[in-house]
Amino acid sequence: LVLLIDRHNIVSGTTTIHDRDGSLLGSFTLTAPLDAAL
């Protein structure tokens, strides 16, 4: 579990998810408190 607590004065920080061969399966950015990646 990755749980966002705060982000202050930053840009980017995009989470990327990849298959075993490195191919991109998805991406999203945690921007608000309690946004989460499981």
PDB file of all heavy atoms in Angstrom:
ATOM      1  N   LEU A   1       0.860  -1.185   0.000  1.00  0.00           N
ATOM      2  CA  LEU A   1       0.000   0.000   0.000  1.00  0.00           C
ATOM      3  C   LEU A   1       0.888   1.223   0.000  1.00  0.00           C
ATOM      4  O   LEU A   1       1.805   1.336   0.830  1.00  0.00           O
ATOM      5  CB  LEU A   1      -0.890   0.033   1.254  1.00  0.00           C
ATOM      6  CG  LEU A   1      -1.584   1.377   1.523  1.00  0.00           C
ATOM      7  CD1 LEU A   1      -2.710   1.630   0.530  1.00  0.00           C
ATOM      8  CD2 LEU A   1      -2.099   1.457   2.959  1.00  0.00           C
ATOM      9  N   VAL A   2       0.637   2.141  -0.924  1.00  0.00           N
ATOM     10  CA  VAL A   2       1.284   3.453  -0.919  1.00  0.00           C
ATOM     11  C   VAL A   2       0.185   4.484  -0.704  1.00  0.00           C
ATOM     12  O   VAL A   2      -0.745   4.587  -1.513  1.00  0.00           O
ATOM     13  CB  VAL A   2       2.027   3.737  -2.238  1.00  0.00           C
ATOM     14  CG1 VAL A   2       2.713   5.095  -2.170  1.00  0.00           C
ATOM     15  CG2 VAL A   2       3.041   2.646  -2.545  1.00  0.00           C
ATOM     16  N   LEU A   3       0.269   5.224   0.384  1.00  0.00           N
ATOM     17  CA  LEU A   3      -0.776   6.166   0.773  1.00  0.00           C
ATOM     18  C   LEU A   3      -0.195   7.567   0.798  1.00  0.00           C
ATOM     19  O   LEU A   3       0.774   7.836   1.523  1.00  0.00           O
ATOM     20  CB  LEU A   3      -1.313   5.798   2.161  1.00  0.00           C
ATOM     21  CG  LEU A   3      -2.551   6.544   2.654  1.00  0.00           C
ATOM     22  CD1 LEU A   3      -3.785   6.086   1.870  1.00  0.00           C
ATOM     23  CD2 LEU A   3      -2.752   6.304   4.148  1.00  0.00           C
ATOM     24  N   LEU A   4      -0.776   8.470   0.009  1.00  0.00           N
ATOM     25  CA  LEU A   4      -0.284   9.845  -0.005  1.00  0.00           C
ATOM     26  C   LEU A   4      -0.739  10.576   1.256  1.00  0.00           C
ATOM     27  O   LEU A   4      -1.918  10.553   1.616  1.00  0.00           O
ATOM     28  CB  LEU A   4      -0.784  10.593  -1.235  1.00  0.00           C
ATOM     29  CG  LEU A   4      -0.218  12.006  -1.381  1.00  0.00           C
ATOM     30  CD1 LEU A   4       1.256  11.966  -1.771  1.00  0.00           C
ATOM     31  CD2 LEU A   4      -1.002  12.837  -2.394  1.00  0.00           C
ATOM     32  N   ILE A   5       0.211  11.217   1.913  1.00  0.00           N
ATOM     33  CA  ILE A   5      -0.082  12.040   3.089  1.00  0.00           C
ATOM     34  C   ILE A   5      -0.165  13.507   2.693  1.00  0.00           C
ATOM     35  O   ILE A   5      -1.083  14.223   3.086  1.00  0.00           O
ATOM     36  CB  ILE A   5       1.010  11.839   4.168  1.00  0.00           C
ATOM     37  CG1 ILE A   5       1.175  10.342   4.505  1.00  0.00           C
ATOM     38  CG2 ILE A   5       0.668  12.645   5.414  1.00  0.00           C
ATOM     39  CD1 ILE A   5      -0.072   9.659   5.003  1.00  0.00           C
ATOM     40  N   ASP A   6       0.804  13.951   1.892  1.00  0.00           N
ATOM     41  CA  ASP A   6       0.831  15.360   1.489  1.00  0.00           C
ATOM     42  C   ASP A   6       1.757  15.513   0.290  1.00  0.00           C
ATOM     43  O   ASP A   6       2.739  14.775   0.156  1.00  0.00           O
ATOM     44  CB  ASP A   6       1.339  16.223   2.652  1.00  0.00           C
ATOM     45  CG  ASP A   6       1.394  17.712   2.310  1.00  0.00           C
ATOM     46  OD1 ASP A   6       0.414  18.210   1.720  1.00  0.00           O
ATOM     47  OD2 ASP A   6       2.404  18.363   2.623  1.00  0.00           O
ATOM     48  N   ARG A   7       1.438  16.440  -0.596  1.00  0.00           N
ATOM     49  CA  ARG A   7       2.395  16.874  -1.605  1.00  0.00           C
ATOM     50  C   ARG A   7       2.339  18.389  -1.645  1.00  0.00           C
ATOM     51  O   ARG A   7       1.269  18.985  -1.741  1.00  0.00           O
ATOM     52  CB  ARG A   7       2.181  16.236  -2.977  1.00  0.00           C
ATOM     53  CG  ARG A   7       0.833  16.361  -3.590  1.00  0.00           C
ATOM     54  CD  ARG A   7       0.770  15.611  -4.917  1.00  0.00           C
ATOM     55  NE  ARG A   7       1.438  16.326  -6.007  1.00  0.00           N
ATOM     56  CZ  ARG A   7       2.033  15.728  -7.028  1.00  0.00           C
ATOM     57  NH1 ARG A   7       2.104  14.404  -7.095  1.00  0.00           N
ATOM     58  NH2 ARG A   7       2.576  16.435  -8.008  1.00  0.00           N
ATOM     59  N   HIS A   8       3.511  19.000  -1.539  1.00  0.00           N
ATOM     60  CA  HIS A   8       3.596  20.448  -1.377  1.00  0.00           C
ATOM     61  C   HIS A   8       4.550  21.030  -2.413  1.00  0.00           C
ATOM     62  O   HIS A   8       5.729  20.681  -2.434  1.00  0.00           O
ATOM     63  CB  HIS A   8       4.093  20.779   0.040  1.00  0.00           C
ATOM     64  CG  HIS A   8       4.332  22.234   0.269  1.00  0.00           C
ATOM     65  ND1 HIS A   8       3.306  23.154   0.358  1.00  0.00           N
ATOM     66  CD2 HIS A   8       5.491  22.939   0.410  1.00  0.00           C
ATOM     67  CE1 HIS A   8       3.820  24.358   0.561  1.00  0.00           C
ATOM     68  NE2 HIS A   8       5.136  24.251   0.590  1.00  0.00           N
ATOM     69  N   ASN A   9       4.025  21.859  -3.281  1.00  0.00           N
ATOM     70  CA  ASN A   9       4.837  22.619  -4.230  1.00  0.00           C
ATOM     71  C   ASN A   9       5.681  21.713  -5.128  1.00  0.00           C
ATOM     72  O   ASN A   9       6.840  21.987  -5.397  1.00  0.00           O
ATOM     73  CB  ASN A   9       5.742  23.613  -3.472  1.00  0.00           C
ATOM     74  CG  ASN A   9       6.509  24.550  -4.408  1.00  0.00           C
ATOM     75  OD1 ASN A   9       5.974  24.999  -5.432  1.00  0.00           O
ATOM     76  ND2 ASN A   9       7.763  24.820  -4.086  1.00  0.00           N
ATOM     77  N   ILE A  10       5.088  20.616  -5.599  1.00  0.00           N
ATOM     78  CA  ILE A  10       5.835  19.738  -6.505  1.00  0.00           C
ATOM     79  C   ILE A  10       5.024  19.468  -7.771  1.00  0.00           C
ATOM     80  O   ILE A  10       3.794  19.592  -7.790  1.00  0.00           O
ATOM     81  CB  ILE A  10       6.221  18.391  -5.863  1.00  0.00           C
ATOM     82  CG1 ILE A  10       4.962  17.609  -5.442  1.00  0.00           C
ATOM     83  CG2 ILE A  10       7.167  18.573  -4.713  1.00  0.00           C
ATOM     84  CD1 ILE A  10       5.257  16.165  -5.073  1.00  0.00           C
ATOM     85  N   VAL A  11       5.731  19.080  -8.815  1.00  0.00           N
ATOM     86  CA  VAL A  11       5.110  18.585 -10.031  1.00  0.00           C
ATOM     87  C   VAL A  11       5.660  17.189 -10.302  1.00  0.00           C
ATOM     88  O   VAL A  11       6.744  16.824  -9.846  1.00  0.00           O
ATOM     89  CB  VAL A  11       5.378  19.503 -11.239  1.00  0.00           C
ATOM     90  CG1 VAL A  11       4.698  20.840 -11.046  1.00  0.00           C
ATOM     91  CG2 VAL A  11       6.872  19.706 -11.454  1.00  0.00           C
ATOM     92  N   SER A  12       4.866  16.409 -11.049  1.00  0.00           N
ATOM     93  CA  SER A  12       5.190  15.036 -11.419  1.00  0.00           C
ATOM     94  C   SER A  12       5.015  14.109 -10.209  1.00  0.00           C
ATOM     95  O   SER A  12       4.123  14.308  -9.400  1.00  0.00           O
ATOM     96  CB  SER A  12       6.586  14.924 -12.026  1.00  0.00           C
ATOM     97  OG  SER A  12       6.736  13.670 -12.666  1.00  0.00           O
ATOM     98  N   GLY A  13       5.842  13.079 -10.074  1.00  0.00           N
ATOM     99  CA  GLY A  13       5.598  12.048  -9.077  1.00  0.00           C
ATOM    100  C   GLY A  13       4.523  11.084  -9.547  1.00  0.00           C
ATOM    101  O   GLY A  13       3.635  10.697  -8.793  1.00  0.00           O
ATOM    102  N   THR A  14       4.621  10.671 -10.801  1.00  0.00           N
ATOM    103  CA  THR A  14       3.649   9.759 -11.396  1.00  0.00           C
ATOM    104  C   THR A  14       4.045   8.308 -11.130  1.00  0.00           C
ATOM    105  O   THR A  14       5.177   7.905 -11.403  1.00  0.00           O
ATOM    106  CB  THR A  14       3.546   9.986 -12.919  1.00  0.00           C
ATOM    107  OG1 THR A  14       3.078  11.318 -13.155  1.00  0.00           O
ATOM    108  CG2 THR A  14       2.598   8.992 -13.561  1.00  0.00           C
ATOM    109  N   THR A  15       3.116   7.541 -10.592  1.00  0.00           N
ATOM    110  CA  THR A  15       3.337   6.122 -10.356  1.00  0.00           C
ATOM    111  C   THR A  15       3.122   5.358 -11.655  1.00  0.00           C
ATOM    112  O   THR A  15       2.114   5.564 -12.345  1.00  0.00           O
ATOM    113  CB  THR A  15       2.376   5.604  -9.285  1.00  0.00           C
ATOM    114  OG1 THR A  15       2.625   6.290  -8.054  1.00  0.00           O
ATOM    115  CG2 THR A  15       2.557   4.102  -9.056  1.00  0.00           C
ATOM    116  N   THR A  16       4.062   4.491 -12.000  1.00  0.00           N
ATOM    117  CA  THR A  16       3.929   3.646 -13.184  1.00  0.00           C
ATOM    118  C   THR A  16       3.970   2.184 -12.761  1.00  0.00           C
ATOM    119  O   THR A  16       4.714   1.798 -11.856  1.00  0.00           O
ATOM    120  CB  THR A  16       5.052   3.920 -14.204  1.00  0.00           C
ATOM    121  OG1 THR A  16       6.332   3.652 -13.604  1.00  0.00           O
ATOM    122  CG2 THR A  16       5.019   5.375 -14.658  1.00  0.00           C
ATOM    123  N   ILE A  17       3.149   1.378 -13.415  1.00  0.00           N
ATOM    124  CA  ILE A  17       3.052  -0.050 -13.123  1.00  0.00           C
ATOM    125  C   ILE A  17       3.471  -0.812 -14.379  1.00  0.00           C
ATOM    126  O   ILE A  17       3.025  -0.493 -15.486  1.00  0.00           O
ATOM    127  CB  ILE A  17       1.624  -0.454 -12.719  1.00  0.00           C
ATOM    128  CG1 ILE A  17       1.109   0.425 -11.561  1.00  0.00           C
ATOM    129  CG2 ILE A  17       1.577  -1.929 -12.347  1.00  0.00           C
ATOM    130  CD1 ILE A  17       1.830   0.246 -10.259  1.00  0.00           C
ATOM    131  N   HIS A  18       4.315  -1.830 -14.186  1.00  0.00           N
ATOM    132  CA  HIS A  18       4.901  -2.526 -15.326  1.00  0.00           C
ATOM    133  C   HIS A  18       4.764  -4.035 -15.184  1.00  0.00           C
ATOM    134  O   HIS A  18       4.806  -4.576 -14.078  1.00  0.00           O
ATOM    135  CB  HIS A  18       6.393  -2.178 -15.442  1.00  0.00           C
ATOM    136  CG  HIS A  18       6.664  -0.711 -15.568  1.00  0.00           C
ATOM    137  ND1 HIS A  18       6.929  -0.108 -16.771  1.00  0.00           N
ATOM    138  CD2 HIS A  18       6.697   0.274 -14.622  1.00  0.00           C
ATOM    139  CE1 HIS A  18       7.119   1.195 -16.576  1.00  0.00           C
ATOM    140  NE2 HIS A  18       6.974   1.444 -15.280  1.00  0.00           N
ATOM    141  N   ASP A  19       4.655  -4.697 -16.334  1.00  0.00           N
ATOM    142  CA  ASP A  19       4.681  -6.145 -16.375  1.00  0.00           C
ATOM    143  C   ASP A  19       6.123  -6.631 -16.210  1.00  0.00           C
ATOM    144  O   ASP A  19       7.063  -5.844 -16.215  1.00  0.00           O
ATOM    145  CB  ASP A  19       4.106  -6.624 -17.711  1.00  0.00           C
ATOM    146  CG  ASP A  19       3.483  -8.013 -17.611  1.00  0.00           C
ATOM    147  OD1 ASP A  19       3.768  -8.710 -16.614  1.00  0.00           O
ATOM    148  OD2 ASP A  19       2.733  -8.390 -18.526  1.00  0.00           O
ATOM    149  N   ARG A  20       6.280  -7.942 -16.096  1.00  0.00           N
ATOM    150  CA  ARG A  20       7.618  -8.511 -15.913  1.00  0.00           C
ATOM    151  C   ARG A  20       8.562  -8.191 -17.062  1.00  0.00           C
ATOM    152  O   ARG A  20       9.775  -8.111 -16.866  1.00  0.00           O
ATOM    153  CB  ARG A  20       7.516 -10.031 -15.729  1.00  0.00           C
ATOM    154  CG  ARG A  20       6.848 -10.449 -14.429  1.00  0.00           C
ATOM    155  CD  ARG A  20       6.705 -11.961 -14.353  1.00  0.00           C
ATOM    156  NE  ARG A  20       6.059 -12.371 -13.110  1.00  0.00           N
ATOM    157  CZ  ARG A  20       6.684 -12.622 -11.981  1.00  0.00           C
ATOM    158  NH1 ARG A  20       8.005 -12.497 -11.922  1.00  0.00           N
ATOM    159  NH2 ARG A  20       6.029 -12.996 -10.903  1.00  0.00           N
ATOM    160  N   ASP A  21       8.007  -8.008 -18.267  1.00  0.00           N
ATOM    161  CA  ASP A  21       8.852  -7.706 -19.417  1.00  0.00           C
ATOM    162  C   ASP A  21       9.121  -6.207 -19.578  1.00  0.00           C
ATOM    163  O   ASP A  21       9.754  -5.779 -20.543  1.00  0.00           O
ATOM    164  CB  ASP A  21       8.243  -8.260 -20.707  1.00  0.00           C
ATOM    165  CG  ASP A  21       6.881  -7.624 -21.046  1.00  0.00           C
ATOM    166  OD1 ASP A  21       6.454  -6.691 -20.318  1.00  0.00           O
ATOM    167  OD2 ASP A  21       6.254  -8.066 -22.022  1.00  0.00           O
ATOM    168  N   GLY A  22       8.643  -5.405 -18.594  1.00  0.00           N
ATOM    169  CA  GLY A  22       8.867  -3.969 -18.621  1.00  0.00           C
ATOM    170  C   GLY A  22       7.784  -3.168 -19.290  1.00  0.00           C
ATOM    171  O   GLY A  22       7.803  -1.925 -19.239  1.00  0.00           O
ATOM    172  N   SER A  23       6.816  -3.813 -19.927  1.00  0.00           N
ATOM    173  CA  SER A  23       5.753  -3.070 -20.603  1.00  0.00           C
ATOM    174  C   SER A  23       4.869  -2.351 -19.589  1.00  0.00           C
ATOM    175  O   SER A  23       4.618  -2.847 -18.486  1.00  0.00           O
ATOM    176  CB  SER A  23       4.911  -4.010 -21.462  1.00  0.00           C
ATOM    177  OG  SER A  23       4.339  -5.035 -20.682  1.00  0.00           O
ATOM    178  N   LEU A  24       4.415  -1.161 -19.967  1.00  0.00           N
ATOM    179  CA  LEU A  24       3.613  -0.322 -19.077  1.00  0.00           C
ATOM    180  C   LEU A  24       2.185  -0.844 -18.996  1.00  0.00           C
ATOM    181  O   LEU A  24       1.509  -1.009 -20.020  1.00  0.00           O
ATOM    182  CB  LEU A  24       3.626   1.115 -19.583  1.00  0.00           C
ATOM    183  CG  LEU A  24       2.877   2.145 -18.736  1.00  0.00           C
ATOM    184  CD1 LEU A  24       3.571   2.342 -17.390  1.00  0.00           C
ATOM    185  CD2 LEU A  24       2.778   3.478 -19.483  1.00  0.00           C
ATOM    186  N   LEU A  25       1.724  -1.097 -17.781  1.00  0.00           N
ATOM    187  CA  LEU A  25       0.363  -1.566 -17.560  1.00  0.00           C
ATOM    188  C   LEU A  25      -0.582  -0.439 -17.167  1.00  0.00           C
ATOM    189  O   LEU A  25      -1.791  -0.532 -17.375  1.00  0.00           O
ATOM    190  CB  LEU A  25       0.354  -2.635 -16.465  1.00  0.00           C
ATOM    191  CG  LEU A  25       1.133  -3.919 -16.752  1.00  0.00           C
ATOM    192  CD1 LEU A  25       1.106  -4.836 -15.539  1.00  0.00           C
ATOM    193  CD2 LEU A  25       0.578  -4.634 -17.972  1.00  0.00           C
ATOM    194  N   GLY A  26      -0.045   0.616 -16.566  1.00  0.00           N
ATOM    195  CA  GLY A  26      -0.886   1.718 -16.131  1.00  0.00           C
ATOM    196  C   GLY A  26      -0.062   2.784 -15.449  1.00  0.00           C
ATOM    197  O   GLY A  26       1.101   2.561 -15.080  1.00  0.00           O
ATOM    198  N   SER A  27      -0.654   3.970 -15.285  1.00  0.00           N
ATOM    199  CA  SER A  27       0.014   5.060 -14.577  1.00  0.00           C
ATOM    200  C   SER A  27      -1.027   5.981 -13.979  1.00  0.00           C
ATOM    201  O   SER A  27      -2.152   6.086 -14.480  1.00  0.00           O
ATOM    202  CB  SER A  27       0.946   5.838 -15.513  1.00  0.00           C
ATOM    203  OG  SER A  27       0.201   6.497 -16.527  1.00  0.00           O
ATOM    204  N   PHE A  28      -0.660   6.628 -12.878  1.00  0.00           N
ATOM    205  CA  PHE A  28      -1.544   7.567 -12.191  1.00  0.00           C
ATOM    206  C   PHE A  28      -0.684   8.393 -11.246  1.00  0.00           C
ATOM    207  O   PHE A  28       0.445   8.008 -10.921  1.00  0.00           O
ATOM    208  CB  PHE A  28      -2.647   6.828 -11.411  1.00  0.00           C
ATOM    209  CG  PHE A  28      -2.134   5.667 -10.605  1.00  0.00           C
ATOM    210  CD1 PHE A  28      -1.638   5.856  -9.321  1.00  0.00           C
ATOM    211  CD2 PHE A  28      -2.125   4.387 -11.139  1.00  0.00           C
ATOM    212  CE1 PHE A  28      -1.146   4.791  -8.578  1.00  0.00           C
ATOM    213  CE2 PHE A  28      -1.632   3.308 -10.401  1.00  0.00           C
ATOM    214  CZ  PHE A  28      -1.146   3.513  -9.125  1.00  0.00           C
ATOM    215  N   THR A  29      -1.218   9.513 -10.805  1.00  0.00           N
ATOM    216  CA  THR A  29      -0.492  10.393  -9.895  1.00  0.00           C
ATOM    217  C   THR A  29      -1.286  10.582  -8.617  1.00  0.00           C
ATOM    218  O   THR A  29      -2.472  10.949  -8.668  1.00  0.00           O
ATOM    219  CB  THR A  29      -0.219  11.761 -10.551  1.00  0.00           C
ATOM    220  OG1 THR A  29       0.480  11.555 -11.782  1.00  0.00           O
ATOM    221  CG2 THR A  29       0.631  12.641  -9.644  1.00  0.00           C
ATOM    222  N   LEU A  30      -0.657  10.297  -7.486  1.00  0.00           N
ATOM    223  CA  LEU A  30      -1.283  10.550  -6.192  1.00  0.00           C
ATOM    224  C   LEU A  30      -1.195  12.045  -5.921  1.00  0.00           C
ATOM    225  O   LEU A  30      -0.109  12.600  -5.806  1.00  0.00           O
ATOM    226  CB  LEU A  30      -0.561   9.766  -5.098  1.00  0.00           C
ATOM    227  CG  LEU A  30      -0.384   8.255  -5.331  1.00  0.00           C
ATOM    228  CD1 LEU A  30       0.338   7.619  -4.143  1.00  0.00           C
ATOM    229  CD2 LEU A  30      -1.705   7.572  -5.605  1.00  0.00           C
ATOM    230  N   THR A  31      -2.336  12.704  -5.838  1.00  0.00           N
ATOM    231  CA  THR A  31      -2.344  14.166  -5.712  1.00  0.00           C
ATOM    232  C   THR A  31      -3.029  14.684  -4.458  1.00  0.00           C
ATOM    233  O   THR A  31      -2.714  15.778  -3.995  1.00  0.00           O
ATOM    234  CB  THR A  31      -3.027  14.808  -6.936  1.00  0.00           C
ATOM    235  OG1 THR A  31      -4.375  14.324  -7.030  1.00  0.00           O
ATOM    236  CG2 THR A  31      -2.275  14.474  -8.216  1.00  0.00           C
ATOM    237  N   ALA A  32      -3.963  13.927  -3.885  1.00  0.00           N
ATOM    238  CA  ALA A  32      -4.732  14.382  -2.728  1.00  0.00           C
ATOM    239  C   ALA A  32      -4.451  13.475  -1.539  1.00  0.00           C
ATOM    240  O   ALA A  32      -4.194  12.276  -1.708  1.00  0.00           O
ATOM    241  CB  ALA A  32      -6.229  14.377  -3.044  1.00  0.00           C
ATOM    242  N   PRO A  33      -4.503  14.018  -0.317  1.00  0.00           N
ATOM    243  CA  PRO A  33      -4.315  13.163   0.852  1.00  0.00           C
ATOM    244  C   PRO A  33      -5.236  11.949   0.817  1.00  0.00           C
ATOM    245  O   PRO A  33      -6.414  12.062   0.468  1.00  0.00           O
ATOM    246  CB  PRO A  33      -4.663  14.098   2.020  1.00  0.00           C
ATOM    247  CG  PRO A  33      -4.327  15.462   1.511  1.00  0.00           C
ATOM    248  CD  PRO A  33      -4.710  15.438   0.059  1.00  0.00           C
ATOM    249  N   LEU A  34      -4.672  10.784   1.135  1.00  0.00           N
ATOM    250  CA  LEU A  34      -5.335   9.483   1.151  1.00  0.00           C
ATOM    251  C   LEU A  34      -5.498   8.862  -0.235  1.00  0.00           C
ATOM    252  O   LEU A  34      -6.002   7.735  -0.334  1.00  0.00           O
ATOM    253  CB  LEU A  34      -6.685   9.530   1.876  1.00  0.00           C
ATOM    254  CG  LEU A  34      -6.616   9.742   3.388  1.00  0.00           C
ATOM    255  CD1 LEU A  34      -8.011   9.935   3.970  1.00  0.00           C
ATOM    256  CD2 LEU A  34      -5.931   8.573   4.079  1.00  0.00           C
ATOM    257  N   ASP A  35      -5.096   9.542  -1.309  1.00  0.00           N
ATOM    258  CA  ASP A  35      -4.973   8.828  -2.583  1.00  0.00           C
ATOM    259  C   ASP A  35      -4.051   7.644  -2.352  1.00  0.00           C
ATOM    260  O   ASP A  35      -3.036   7.755  -1.647  1.00  0.00           O
ATOM    261  CB  ASP A  35      -4.363   9.728  -3.662  1.00  0.00           C
ATOM    262  CG  ASP A  35      -5.371  10.649  -4.326  1.00  0.00           C
ATOM    263  OD1 ASP A  35      -6.554  10.622  -3.945  1.00  0.00           O
ATOM    264  OD2 ASP A  35      -4.954  11.396  -5.238  1.00  0.00           O
ATOM    265  N   ALA A  36      -4.384   6.499  -2.942  1.00  0.00           N
ATOM    266  CA  ALA A  36      -3.645   5.280  -2.616  1.00  0.00           C
ATOM    267  C   ALA A  36      -3.389   4.430  -3.847  1.00  0.00           C
ATOM    268  O   ALA A  36      -4.177   4.425  -4.803  1.00  0.00           O
ATOM    269  CB  ALA A  36      -4.412   4.456  -1.581  1.00  0.00           C
ATOM    270  N   ALA A  37      -2.284   3.704  -3.790  1.00  0.00           N
ATOM    271  CA  ALA A  37      -1.984   2.654  -4.757  1.00  0.00           C
ATOM    272  C   ALA A  37      -1.852   1.354  -3.989  1.00  0.00           C
ATOM    273  O   ALA A  37      -1.130   1.295  -2.983  1.00  0.00           O
ATOM    274  CB  ALA A  37      -0.695   2.966  -5.503  1.00  0.00           C
ATOM    275  N   LEU A  38      -2.540   0.328  -4.445  1.00  0.00           N
ATOM    276  CA  LEU A  38      -2.386  -1.011  -3.893  1.00  0.00           C
ATOM    277  C   LEU A  38      -1.814  -1.906  -4.977  1.00  0.00           C
ATOM    278  O   LEU A  38      -2.277  -1.888  -6.115  1.00  0.00           O
ATOM    279  CB  LEU A  38      -3.715  -1.549  -3.383  1.00  0.00           C
ATOM    280  CG  LEU A  38      -4.148  -0.863  -2.087  1.00  0.00           C
ATOM    281  CD1 LEU A  38      -5.312   0.065  -2.353  1.00  0.00           C
ATOM    282  CD2 LEU A  38      -4.505  -1.883  -1.026  1.00  0.00           C
TER     283      LEU A  38
END
